[in-house]
PDB file of N, CA and C in Angstrom:
ATOM      1  N   MET A   1       9.413  27.311 204.187  1.00  0.00           N
ATOM      2  CA  MET A   1       8.394  28.064 203.489  1.00  0.00           C
ATOM      3  C   MET A   1       7.681  27.112 202.528  1.00  0.00           C
ATOM      4  N   THR A   2       6.372  27.117 202.586  1.00  0.00           N
ATOM      5  CA  THR A   2       5.607  26.238 201.717  1.00  0.00           C
ATOM      6  C   THR A   2       5.576  26.800 200.308  1.00  0.00           C
ATOM      7  N   ARG A   3       5.127  25.972 199.414  1.00  0.00           N
ATOM      8  CA  ARG A   3       5.048  26.386 198.007  1.00  0.00           C
ATOM      9  C   ARG A   3       4.075  27.555 197.832  1.00  0.00           C
ATOM     10  N   ALA A   4       2.945  27.495 198.552  1.00  0.00           N
ATOM     11  CA  ALA A   4       1.954  28.573 198.460  1.00  0.00           C
ATOM     12  C   ALA A   4       2.522  29.881 199.004  1.00  0.00           C
ATOM     13  N   GLU A   5       3.251  29.812 200.120  1.00  0.00           N
ATOM     14  CA  GLU A   5       3.855  31.017 200.691  1.00  0.00           C
ATOM     15  C   GLU A   5       4.909  31.591 199.754  1.00  0.00           C
ATOM     16  N   SER A   6       5.677  30.715 199.146  1.00  0.00           N
ATOM     17  CA  SER A   6       6.700  31.150 198.203  1.00  0.00           C
ATOM     18  C   SER A   6       6.065  31.835 196.998  1.00  0.00           C
ATOM     19  N   SER A   7       4.987  31.256 196.518  1.00  0.00           N
ATOM     20  CA  SER A   7       4.276  31.832 195.377  1.00  0.00           C
ATOM     21  C   SER A   7       3.686  33.195 195.745  1.00  0.00           C
ATOM     22  N   GLN A   8       3.107  33.294 196.943  1.00  0.00           N
ATOM     23  CA  GLN A   8       2.527  34.562 197.383  1.00  0.00           C
ATOM     24  C   GLN A   8       3.614  35.620 197.536  1.00  0.00           C
ATOM     25  N   THR A   9       4.747  35.243 198.091  1.00  0.00           N
ATOM     26  CA  THR A   9       5.861  36.175 198.252  1.00  0.00           C
ATOM     27  C   THR A   9       6.335  36.687 196.898  1.00  0.00           C
ATOM     28  N   LEU A  10       6.433  35.791 195.932  1.00  0.00           N
ATOM     29  CA  LEU A  10       6.850  36.173 194.584  1.00  0.00           C
ATOM     30  C   LEU A  10       5.835  37.126 193.949  1.00  0.00           C
ATOM     31  N   LEU A  11       4.550  36.842 194.123  1.00  0.00           N
ATOM     32  CA  LEU A  11       3.510  37.712 193.576  1.00  0.00           C
ATOM     33  C   LEU A  11       3.541  39.093 194.236  1.00  0.00           C
ATOM     34  N   GLU A  12       3.730  39.133 195.548  1.00  0.00           N
ATOM     35  CA  GLU A  12       3.804  40.415 196.247  1.00  0.00           C
ATOM     36  C   GLU A  12       5.014  41.220 195.785  1.00  0.00           C
ATOM     37  N   LYS A  13       6.133  40.550 195.568  1.00  0.00           N
ATOM     38  CA  LYS A  13       7.333  41.231 195.080  1.00  0.00           C
ATOM     39  C   LYS A  13       7.089  41.804 193.685  1.00  0.00           C
ATOM     40  N   SER A  14       6.455  41.015 192.828  1.00  0.00           N
ATOM     41  CA  SER A  14       6.151  41.480 191.470  1.00  0.00           C
ATOM     42  C   SER A  14       5.200  42.671 191.501  1.00  0.00           C
ATOM     43  N   LEU A  15       4.190  42.598 192.365  1.00  0.00           N
ATOM     44  CA  LEU A  15       3.237  43.701 192.479  1.00  0.00           C
ATOM     45  C   LEU A  15       3.929  44.959 192.993  1.00  0.00           C
ATOM     46  N   THR A  16       4.786  44.803 193.980  1.00  0.00           N
ATOM     47  CA  THR A  16       5.523  45.946 194.523  1.00  0.00           C
ATOM     48  C   THR A  16       6.383  46.599 193.449  1.00  0.00           C
ATOM     49  N   GLU A  17       7.085  45.791 192.677  1.00  0.00           N
ATOM     50  CA  GLU A  17       7.920  46.327 191.596  1.00  0.00           C
ATOM     51  C   GLU A  17       7.072  47.039 190.553  1.00  0.00           C
ATOM     52  N   ALA A  18       5.932  46.440 190.201  1.00  0.00           N
ATOM     53  CA  ALA A  18       5.053  47.043 189.202  1.00  0.00           C
ATOM     54  C   ALA A  18       4.474  48.363 189.706  1.00  0.00           C
ATOM     55  N   LEU A  19       4.063  48.405 190.970  1.00  0.00           N
ATOM     56  CA  LEU A  19       3.518  49.646 191.529  1.00  0.00           C
ATOM     57  C   LEU A  19       4.575  50.742 191.600  1.00  0.00           C
ATOM     58  N   ASN A  20       5.788  50.375 191.970  1.00  0.00           N
ATOM     59  CA  ASN A  20       6.875  51.364 191.995  1.00  0.00           C
ATOM     60  C   ASN A  20       7.151  51.900 190.598  1.00  0.00           C
ATOM     61  N   ARG A  21       7.177  51.027 189.611  1.00  0.00           N
ATOM     62  CA  ARG A  21       7.427  51.447 188.224  1.00  0.00           C
ATOM     63  C   ARG A  21       6.290  52.332 187.717  1.00  0.00           C
ATOM     64  N   LEU A  22       5.060  51.956 188.032  1.00  0.00           N
ATOM     65  CA  LEU A  22       3.910  52.756 187.624  1.00  0.00           C
ATOM     66  C   LEU A  22       3.983  54.153 188.231  1.00  0.00           C
ATOM     67  N   SER A  23       4.343  54.222 189.489  1.00  0.00           N
ATOM     68  CA  SER A  23       4.483  55.517 190.151  1.00  0.00           C
ATOM     69  C   SER A  23       5.554  56.364 189.469  1.00  0.00           C
ATOM     70  N   GLU A  24       6.679  55.748 189.133  1.00  0.00           N
ATOM     71  CA  GLU A  24       7.751  56.463 188.427  1.00  0.00           C
ATOM     72  C   GLU A  24       7.263  56.982 187.079  1.00  0.00           C
ATOM     73  N   LEU A  25       6.518  56.155 186.356  1.00  0.00           N
ATOM     74  CA  LEU A  25       5.995  56.564 185.050  1.00  0.00           C
ATOM     75  C   LEU A  25       4.998  57.708 185.182  1.00  0.00           C
ATOM     76  N   TRP A  26       4.152  57.671 186.208  1.00  0.00           N
ATOM     77  CA  TRP A  26       3.205  58.764 186.431  1.00  0.00           C
ATOM     78  C   TRP A  26       3.944  60.067 186.699  1.00  0.00           C
ATOM     79  N   VAL A  27       5.005  60.006 187.490  1.00  0.00           N
ATOM     80  CA  VAL A  27       5.787  61.209 187.788  1.00  0.00           C
ATOM     81  C   VAL A  27       6.443  61.734 186.512  1.00  0.00           C
ATOM     82  N   GLU A  28       7.013  60.839 185.712  1.00  0.00           N
ATOM     83  CA  GLU A  28       7.625  61.248 184.439  1.00  0.00           C
ATOM     84  C   GLU A  28       6.596  61.904 183.531  1.00  0.00           C
ATOM     85  N   GLU A  29       5.421  61.293 183.416  1.00  0.00           N
ATOM     86  CA  GLU A  29       4.363  61.842 182.573  1.00  0.00           C
ATOM     87  C   GLU A  29       3.940  63.221 183.076  1.00  0.00           C
ATOM     88  N   TYR A  30       3.781  63.351 184.375  1.00  0.00           N
ATOM     89  CA  TYR A  30       3.398  64.638 184.951  1.00  0.00           C
ATOM     90  C   TYR A  30       4.447  65.704 184.655  1.00  0.00           C
ATOM     91  N   GLN A  31       5.712  65.347 184.785  1.00  0.00           N
ATOM     92  CA  GLN A  31       6.783  66.309 184.527  1.00  0.00           C
ATOM     93  C   GLN A  31       6.789  66.749 183.068  1.00  0.00           C
ATOM     94  N   GLU A  32       6.511  65.833 182.151  1.00  0.00           N
ATOM     95  CA  GLU A  32       6.427  66.194 180.733  1.00  0.00           C
ATOM     96  C   GLU A  32       5.249  67.128 180.481  1.00  0.00           C
ATOM     97  N   ILE A  33       4.116  66.808 181.075  1.00  0.00           N
ATOM     98  CA  ILE A  33       2.931  67.662 180.928  1.00  0.00           C
ATOM     99  C   ILE A  33       3.198  69.038 181.523  1.00  0.00           C
ATOM    100  N   GLU A  34       3.838  69.053 182.677  1.00  0.00           N
ATOM    101  CA  GLU A  34       4.163  70.312 183.341  1.00  0.00           C
ATOM    102  C   GLU A  34       5.075  71.179 182.468  1.00  0.00           C
ATOM    103  N   ALA A  35       6.036  70.567 181.795  1.00  0.00           N
ATOM    104  CA  ALA A  35       6.943  71.314 180.917  1.00  0.00           C
ATOM    105  C   ALA A  35       6.190  71.911 179.732  1.00  0.00           C
ATOM    106  N   VAL A  36       5.299  71.141 179.130  1.00  0.00           N
ATOM    107  CA  VAL A  36       4.505  71.642 178.000  1.00  0.00           C
ATOM    108  C   VAL A  36       3.602  72.784 178.458  1.00  0.00           C
ATOM    109  N   LEU A  37       2.970  72.608 179.610  1.00  0.00           N
ATOM    110  CA  LEU A  37       2.081  73.657 180.116  1.00  0.00           C
ATOM    111  C   LEU A  37       2.851  74.916 180.491  1.00  0.00           C
ATOM    112  N   ALA A  38       4.067  74.762 180.970  1.00  0.00           N
ATOM    113  CA  ALA A  38       4.894  75.932 181.287  1.00  0.00           C
ATOM    114  C   ALA A  38       5.158  76.739 180.025  1.00  0.00           C
ATOM    115  N   ALA A  39       5.411  76.055 178.916  1.00  0.00           N
ATOM    116  CA  ALA A  39       5.632  76.746 177.642  1.00  0.00           C
ATOM    117  C   ALA A  39       4.361  77.465 177.197  1.00  0.00           C
ATOM    118  N   ILE A  40       3.227  76.821 177.360  1.00  0.00           N
ATOM    119  CA  ILE A  40       1.947  77.444 176.997  1.00  0.00           C
ATOM    120  C   ILE A  40       1.690  78.662 177.879  1.00  0.00           C
ATOM    121  N   ASN A  41       1.949  78.514 179.161  1.00  0.00           N
ATOM    122  CA  ASN A  41       1.683  79.604 180.106  1.00  0.00           C
ATOM    123  C   ASN A  41       2.617  80.795 179.908  1.00  0.00           C
ATOM    124  N   GLN A  42       3.796  80.580 179.325  1.00  0.00           N
ATOM    125  CA  GLN A  42       4.730  81.679 179.086  1.00  0.00           C
ATOM    126  C   GLN A  42       4.338  82.507 177.865  1.00  0.00           C
ATOM    127  N   ALA A  43       3.557  81.931 176.998  1.00  0.00           N
ATOM    128  CA  ALA A  43       3.117  82.662 175.809  1.00  0.00           C
ATOM    129  C   ALA A  43       2.205  83.814 176.239  1.00  0.00           C
ATOM    130  N   ASP A  44       2.123  84.825 175.380  1.00  0.00           N
ATOM    131  CA  ASP A  44       1.250  85.960 175.674  1.00  0.00           C
ATOM    132  C   ASP A  44      -0.192  85.556 175.413  1.00  0.00           C
ATOM    133  N   SER A  45      -0.736  84.862 176.357  1.00  0.00           N
ATOM    134  CA  SER A  45      -2.096  84.368 176.222  1.00  0.00           C
ATOM    135  C   SER A  45      -2.813  84.528 177.557  1.00  0.00           C
ATOM    136  N   PRO A  46      -4.083  84.855 177.496  1.00  0.00           N
ATOM    137  CA  PRO A  46      -4.831  84.947 178.754  1.00  0.00           C
ATOM    138  C   PRO A  46      -5.073  83.561 179.376  1.00  0.00           C
ATOM    139  N   LEU A  47      -4.822  82.529 178.594  1.00  0.00           N
ATOM    140  CA  LEU A  47      -5.030  81.164 179.076  1.00  0.00           C
ATOM    141  C   LEU A  47      -3.852  80.731 179.940  1.00  0.00           C
ATOM    142  N   LYS A  48      -4.139  80.358 181.163  1.00  0.00           N
ATOM    143  CA  LYS A  48      -3.122  79.826 182.071  1.00  0.00           C
ATOM    144  C   LYS A  48      -3.643  78.499 182.619  1.00  0.00           C
ATOM    145  N   ILE A  49      -2.841  77.464 182.482  1.00  0.00           N
ATOM    146  CA  ILE A  49      -3.224  76.134 182.946  1.00  0.00           C
ATOM    147  C   ILE A  49      -2.302  75.746 184.094  1.00  0.00           C
ATOM    148  N   VAL A  50      -2.901  75.365 185.210  1.00  0.00           N
ATOM    149  CA  VAL A  50      -2.131  74.972 186.390  1.00  0.00           C
ATOM    150  C   VAL A  50      -2.295  73.464 186.586  1.00  0.00           C
ATOM    151  N   PRO A  51      -1.211  72.707 186.392  1.00  0.00           N
ATOM    152  CA  PRO A  51      -1.316  71.254 186.560  1.00  0.00           C
ATOM    153  C   PRO A  51      -1.319  70.860 188.036  1.00  0.00           C
ATOM    154  N   SER A  52      -1.907  69.719 188.311  1.00  0.00           N
ATOM    155  CA  SER A  52      -1.851  69.165 189.667  1.00  0.00           C
ATOM    156  C   SER A  52      -1.669  67.662 189.546  1.00  0.00           C
ATOM    157  N   PHE A  53      -1.045  67.084 190.540  1.00  0.00           N
ATOM    158  CA  PHE A  53      -0.699  65.667 190.491  1.00  0.00           C
ATOM    159  C   PHE A  53      -1.334  64.951 191.670  1.00  0.00           C
ATOM    160  N   ALA A  54      -2.094  63.905 191.382  1.00  0.00           N
ATOM    161  CA  ALA A  54      -2.728  63.074 192.412  1.00  0.00           C
ATOM    162  C   ALA A  54      -3.488  63.931 193.417  1.00  0.00           C
ATOM    163  N   SER A  55      -4.328  64.810 192.914  1.00  0.00           N
ATOM    164  CA  SER A  55      -4.991  65.759 193.803  1.00  0.00           C
ATOM    165  C   SER A  55      -6.491  65.516 193.964  1.00  0.00           C
ATOM    166  N   ASP A  56      -7.029  64.464 193.360  1.00  0.00           N
ATOM    167  CA  ASP A  56      -8.465  64.213 193.457  1.00  0.00           C
ATOM    168  C   ASP A  56      -8.764  63.370 194.695  1.00  0.00           C
ATOM    169  N   LYS A  57      -8.641  64.002 195.844  1.00  0.00           N
ATOM    170  CA  LYS A  57      -8.834  63.305 197.116  1.00  0.00           C
ATOM    171  C   LYS A  57     -10.298  62.911 197.327  1.00  0.00           C
ATOM    172  N   LYS A  58     -11.231  63.677 196.760  1.00  0.00           N
ATOM    173  CA  LYS A  58     -12.648  63.330 196.902  1.00  0.00           C
ATOM    174  C   LYS A  58     -12.944  62.003 196.223  1.00  0.00           C
ATOM    175  N   ALA A  59     -12.376  61.800 195.043  1.00  0.00           N
ATOM    176  CA  ALA A  59     -12.587  60.537 194.330  1.00  0.00           C
ATOM    177  C   ALA A  59     -11.944  59.379 195.080  1.00  0.00           C
ATOM    178  N   MET A  60     -10.746  59.602 195.604  1.00  0.00           N
ATOM    179  CA  MET A  60     -10.074  58.553 196.368  1.00  0.00           C
ATOM    180  C   MET A  60     -10.888  58.190 197.603  1.00  0.00           C
ATOM    181  N   LEU A  61     -11.438  59.194 198.268  1.00  0.00           N
ATOM    182  CA  LEU A  61     -12.261  58.961 199.451  1.00  0.00           C
ATOM    183  C   LEU A  61     -13.496  58.140 199.098  1.00  0.00           C
ATOM    184  N   ALA A  62     -14.140  58.471 197.993  1.00  0.00           N
ATOM    185  CA  ALA A  62     -15.336  57.737 197.573  1.00  0.00           C
ATOM    186  C   ALA A  62     -15.020  56.277 197.263  1.00  0.00           C
ATOM    187  N   VAL A  63     -13.924  56.031 196.563  1.00  0.00           N
ATOM    188  CA  VAL A  63     -13.532  54.658 196.229  1.00  0.00           C
ATOM    189  C   VAL A  63     -13.169  53.889 197.492  1.00  0.00           C
ATOM    190  N   LEU A  64     -12.475  54.530 198.403  1.00  0.00           N
ATOM    191  CA  LEU A  64     -12.086  53.885 199.661  1.00  0.00           C
ATOM    192  C   LEU A  64     -13.316  53.503 200.478  1.00  0.00           C
ATOM    193  N   LYS A  65     -14.274  54.407 200.569  1.00  0.00           N
ATOM    194  CA  LYS A  65     -15.510  54.110 201.306  1.00  0.00           C
ATOM    195  C   LYS A  65     -16.261  52.944 200.665  1.00  0.00           C
ATOM    196  N   GLU A  66     -16.324  52.945 199.349  1.00  0.00           N
ATOM    197  CA  GLU A  66     -17.012  51.865 198.627  1.00  0.00           C
ATOM    198  C   GLU A  66     -16.320  50.530 198.872  1.00  0.00           C
ATOM    199  N   ALA A  67     -14.999  50.534 198.836  1.00  0.00           N
ATOM    200  CA  ALA A  67     -14.238  49.296 199.028  1.00  0.00           C
ATOM    201  C   ALA A  67     -14.351  48.769 200.453  1.00  0.00           C
ATOM    202  N   CYS A  68     -14.576  49.661 201.390  1.00  0.00           N
ATOM    203  CA  CYS A  68     -14.615  49.266 202.810  1.00  0.00           C
ATOM    204  C   CYS A  68     -16.027  49.296 203.385  1.00  0.00           C
ATOM    205  N   THR A  69     -17.031  49.206 202.529  1.00  0.00           N
ATOM    206  CA  THR A  69     -18.411  49.214 202.984  1.00  0.00           C
ATOM    207  C   THR A  69     -18.621  48.104 204.009  1.00  0.00           C
ATOM    208  N   GLY A  70     -19.261  48.455 205.110  1.00  0.00           N
ATOM    209  CA  GLY A  70     -19.542  47.475 206.155  1.00  0.00           C
ATOM    210  C   GLY A  70     -18.412  47.268 207.140  1.00  0.00           C
ATOM    211  N   SER A  71     -17.340  48.017 207.007  1.00  0.00           N
ATOM    212  CA  SER A  71     -16.179  47.829 207.878  1.00  0.00           C
ATOM    213  C   SER A  71     -16.311  48.577 209.209  1.00  0.00           C
ATOM    214  N   ARG A  72     -17.297  49.449 209.301  1.00  0.00           N
ATOM    215  CA  ARG A  72     -17.534  50.258 210.499  1.00  0.00           C
ATOM    216  C   ARG A  72     -16.390  51.229 210.802  1.00  0.00           C
ATOM    217  N   LEU A  73     -15.633  51.574 209.792  1.00  0.00           N
ATOM    218  CA  LEU A  73     -14.584  52.577 209.976  1.00  0.00           C
ATOM    219  C   LEU A  73     -15.229  53.953 210.074  1.00  0.00           C
ATOM    220  N   ARG A  74     -14.645  54.803 210.861  1.00  0.00           N
ATOM    221  CA  ARG A  74     -15.166  56.165 211.022  1.00  0.00           C
ATOM    222  C   ARG A  74     -14.767  57.031 209.835  1.00  0.00           C
ATOM    223  N   GLU A  75     -15.557  58.052 209.622  1.00  0.00           N
ATOM    224  CA  GLU A  75     -15.283  59.012 208.545  1.00  0.00           C
ATOM    225  C   GLU A  75     -13.892  59.619 208.710  1.00  0.00           C
ATOM    226  N   SER A  76     -13.524  59.910 209.945  1.00  0.00           N
ATOM    227  CA  SER A  76     -12.211  60.514 210.195  1.00  0.00           C
ATOM    228  C   SER A  76     -11.073  59.565 209.820  1.00  0.00           C
ATOM    229  N   THR A  77     -11.292  58.264 209.961  1.00  0.00           N
ATOM    230  CA  THR A  77     -10.268  57.285 209.581  1.00  0.00           C
ATOM    231  C   THR A  77     -10.078  57.283 208.072  1.00  0.00           C
ATOM    232  N   TYR A  78     -11.191  57.273 207.340  1.00  0.00           N
ATOM    233  CA  TYR A  78     -11.104  57.345 205.879  1.00  0.00           C
ATOM    234  C   TYR A  78     -10.346  58.603 205.461  1.00  0.00           C
ATOM    235  N   GLN A  79     -10.711  59.728 206.060  1.00  0.00           N
ATOM    236  CA  GLN A  79     -10.100  60.999 205.681  1.00  0.00           C
ATOM    237  C   GLN A  79      -8.611  61.013 205.993  1.00  0.00           C
ATOM    238  N   THR A  80      -8.228  60.442 207.119  1.00  0.00           N
ATOM    239  CA  THR A  80      -6.810  60.387 207.481  1.00  0.00           C
ATOM    240  C   THR A  80      -6.025  59.552 206.483  1.00  0.00           C
ATOM    241  N   VAL A  81      -6.599  58.426 206.066  1.00  0.00           N
ATOM    242  CA  VAL A  81      -5.934  57.570 205.077  1.00  0.00           C
ATOM    243  C   VAL A  81      -5.771  58.328 203.766  1.00  0.00           C
ATOM    244  N   VAL A  82      -6.821  58.985 203.316  1.00  0.00           N
ATOM    245  CA  VAL A  82      -6.770  59.739 202.062  1.00  0.00           C
ATOM    246  C   VAL A  82      -5.755  60.882 202.150  1.00  0.00           C
ATOM    247  N   ASP A  83      -5.689  61.538 203.291  1.00  0.00           N
ATOM    248  CA  ASP A  83      -4.732  62.634 203.466  1.00  0.00           C
ATOM    249  C   ASP A  83      -3.291  62.135 203.541  1.00  0.00           C
ATOM    250  N   SER A  84      -3.104  60.888 203.965  1.00  0.00           N
ATOM    251  CA  SER A  84      -1.759  60.344 204.180  1.00  0.00           C
ATOM    252  C   SER A  84      -1.115  59.764 202.929  1.00  0.00           C
ATOM    253  N   PHE A  85      -1.929  59.403 201.940  1.00  0.00           N
ATOM    254  CA  PHE A  85      -1.403  58.737 200.750  1.00  0.00           C
ATOM    255  C   PHE A  85      -1.876  59.451 199.495  1.00  0.00           C
ATOM    256  N   SER A  86      -1.015  59.462 198.479  1.00  0.00           N
ATOM    257  CA  SER A  86      -1.385  60.144 197.235  1.00  0.00           C
ATOM    258  C   SER A  86      -2.258  59.275 196.342  1.00  0.00           C
ATOM    259  N   ASN A  87      -2.176  57.950 196.506  1.00  0.00           N
ATOM    260  CA  ASN A  87      -2.983  57.033 195.701  1.00  0.00           C
ATOM    261  C   ASN A  87      -3.016  55.663 196.366  1.00  0.00           C
ATOM    262  N   PHE A  88      -3.771  54.740 195.794  1.00  0.00           N
ATOM    263  CA  PHE A  88      -3.907  53.418 196.394  1.00  0.00           C
ATOM    264  C   PHE A  88      -2.638  52.585 196.262  1.00  0.00           C
ATOM    265  N   GLY A  89      -1.846  52.850 195.250  1.00  0.00           N
ATOM    266  CA  GLY A  89      -0.566  52.155 195.117  1.00  0.00           C
ATOM    267  C   GLY A  89       0.347  52.481 196.282  1.00  0.00           C
ATOM    268  N   GLU A  90       0.422  53.757 196.625  1.00  0.00           N
ATOM    269  CA  GLU A  90       1.237  54.173 197.768  1.00  0.00           C
ATOM    270  C   GLU A  90       0.693  53.578 199.062  1.00  0.00           C
ATOM    271  N   LEU A  91      -0.625  53.529 199.184  1.00  0.00           N
ATOM    272  CA  LEU A  91      -1.252  52.916 200.356  1.00  0.00           C
ATOM    273  C   LEU A  91      -0.838  51.458 200.473  1.00  0.00           C
ATOM    274  N   TRP A  92      -0.897  50.716 199.371  1.00  0.00           N
ATOM    275  CA  TRP A  92      -0.534  49.296 199.399  1.00  0.00           C
ATOM    276  C   TRP A  92       0.952  49.121 199.700  1.00  0.00           C
ATOM    277  N   LEU A  93       1.787  49.930 199.095  1.00  0.00           N
ATOM    278  CA  LEU A  93       3.230  49.810 199.316  1.00  0.00           C
ATOM    279  C   LEU A  93       3.620  50.088 200.767  1.00  0.00           C
ATOM    280  N   ASN A  94       2.836  50.892 201.453  1.00  0.00           N
ATOM    281  CA  ASN A  94       3.143  51.260 202.838  1.00  0.00           C
ATOM    282  C   ASN A  94       2.213  50.592 203.846  1.00  0.00           C
ATOM    283  N   ARG A  95       1.574  49.520 203.450  1.00  0.00           N
ATOM    284  CA  ARG A  95       0.578  48.862 204.291  1.00  0.00           C
ATOM    285  C   ARG A  95       1.145  48.310 205.590  1.00  0.00           C
ATOM    286  N   ASP A  96       2.411  47.958 205.633  1.00  0.00           N
ATOM    287  CA  ASP A  96       3.012  47.366 206.829  1.00  0.00           C
ATOM    288  C   ASP A  96       3.663  48.390 207.747  1.00  0.00           C
ATOM    289  N   LYS A  97       3.718  49.616 207.305  1.00  0.00           N
ATOM    290  CA  LYS A  97       4.350  50.656 208.119  1.00  0.00           C
ATOM    291  C   LYS A  97       3.329  51.206 209.113  1.00  0.00           C
ATOM    292  N   PRO A  98       3.701  51.275 210.387  1.00  0.00           N
ATOM    293  CA  PRO A  98       2.745  51.779 211.383  1.00  0.00           C
ATOM    294  C   PRO A  98       2.455  53.259 211.175  1.00  0.00           C
ATOM    295  N   ARG A  99       1.199  53.601 211.343  1.00  0.00           N
ATOM    296  CA  ARG A  99       0.762  54.994 211.237  1.00  0.00           C
ATOM    297  C   ARG A  99      -0.239  55.255 212.345  1.00  0.00           C
ATOM    298  N   ASP A 100      -0.372  56.491 212.694  1.00  0.00           N
ATOM    299  CA  ASP A 100      -1.327  56.878 213.722  1.00  0.00           C
ATOM    300  C   ASP A 100      -2.590  57.384 213.038  1.00  0.00           C
ATOM    301  N   TYR A 101      -3.647  56.573 213.045  1.00  0.00           N
ATOM    302  CA  TYR A 101      -4.911  56.951 212.408  1.00  0.00           C
ATOM    303  C   TYR A 101      -5.969  57.323 213.436  1.00  0.00           C
ATOM    304  N   GLN A 102      -5.564  57.724 214.585  1.00  0.00           N
ATOM    305  CA  GLN A 102      -6.533  58.057 215.638  1.00  0.00           C
ATOM    306  C   GLN A 102      -7.110  59.428 215.405  1.00  0.00           C
TER     307      GLN A 102
END
């Protein structure tokens, strides 16, 4: 293994660890928010707040299209990718796993 390959492998490992940790932190944050909102929703109030996690698929689709401009990918391919992953971190972490995007 060359020095450049070793360096790239180390960087990919660091990125993978960071993305996994970030995902864990997002889940923890969501769970805390969900607990607070549950307390608010139990109060005798007409206000009810329903939390959602990683649900802005339209924004993800727009960013994906922008990033892949000129790639000649079909709209259905973009949509399948967006439907298959909750965020770009998950997409990157699973980049080597085969999927059926037909």
